[in-house]
């Protein structure tokens, strides 16, 4: 934990995102991290949640207030979450954020265009940003065949760049990396995780993903466009496939 707080201070981090698992289950640890940072009040802190705790207005407010610093709440919502998350929870979370003057938004992962029908009911709850992203064939989604289905490879993705370039992710048990899909790239090893931010920033991996398009990365790694799977037409997936094929970088 000290490693993380030191990195936040040393690099004068301005924004922190606590994501899944479920941050609301680790509030004490989050508060310890924030408590170890000087001038923590200047940080912009966001948590991503599945909204499980928002069963009543009071419980929702109490849970959000238990974070020592919180500026924004992002709710993960899709047809899978909908099975256990009543719309009442979404309303409670939205109203609690409004009451506590916290920003509120929803990020929705879609498996097919038909999933967009979930947007309508959400808009009736209130006015907030709804971000749409495709279900990536990673982890359990890959095992269960739940990734967004594509007919063919879209070469346009090769001209894009990493959508989170310039950011640093820390994953307990792994270390620092350039993004949250590094475990998928690494498989059972840890070739794209580094013990300190300095080691990450000095790495060839970080240099490639932070400065180049995927087409340029492919050329540098000697990965042929013809070898890329059709399902990997999103930035994160084409990146994961390229580095997985490349193996450990020198």
Foldseek 3Di string as FASTA:
>chain_A
DVQLLVQCQVVVAAEDEAEPPAVLVVLVVQQVSLVSHPPSQRHAYEYEHQLPQQPDLVSLLVSVVSRPDYAEYEHEDFPVSCVPDPVSSVLSNVVSCVVVVHAYEYEYEDQEPVRCVVVVVSVVSDDHYYHYHYADLDDPCVVVVRGRDDDFADCVQQQDAPPQQPDWDQDPPQAIASDDCQCLLQPPHRLRHDNHVVVHVPDPRSVDRNPDGNNVVCVVLVHDPVPQGGSQNHNVSSSSVSSSVSDRDD
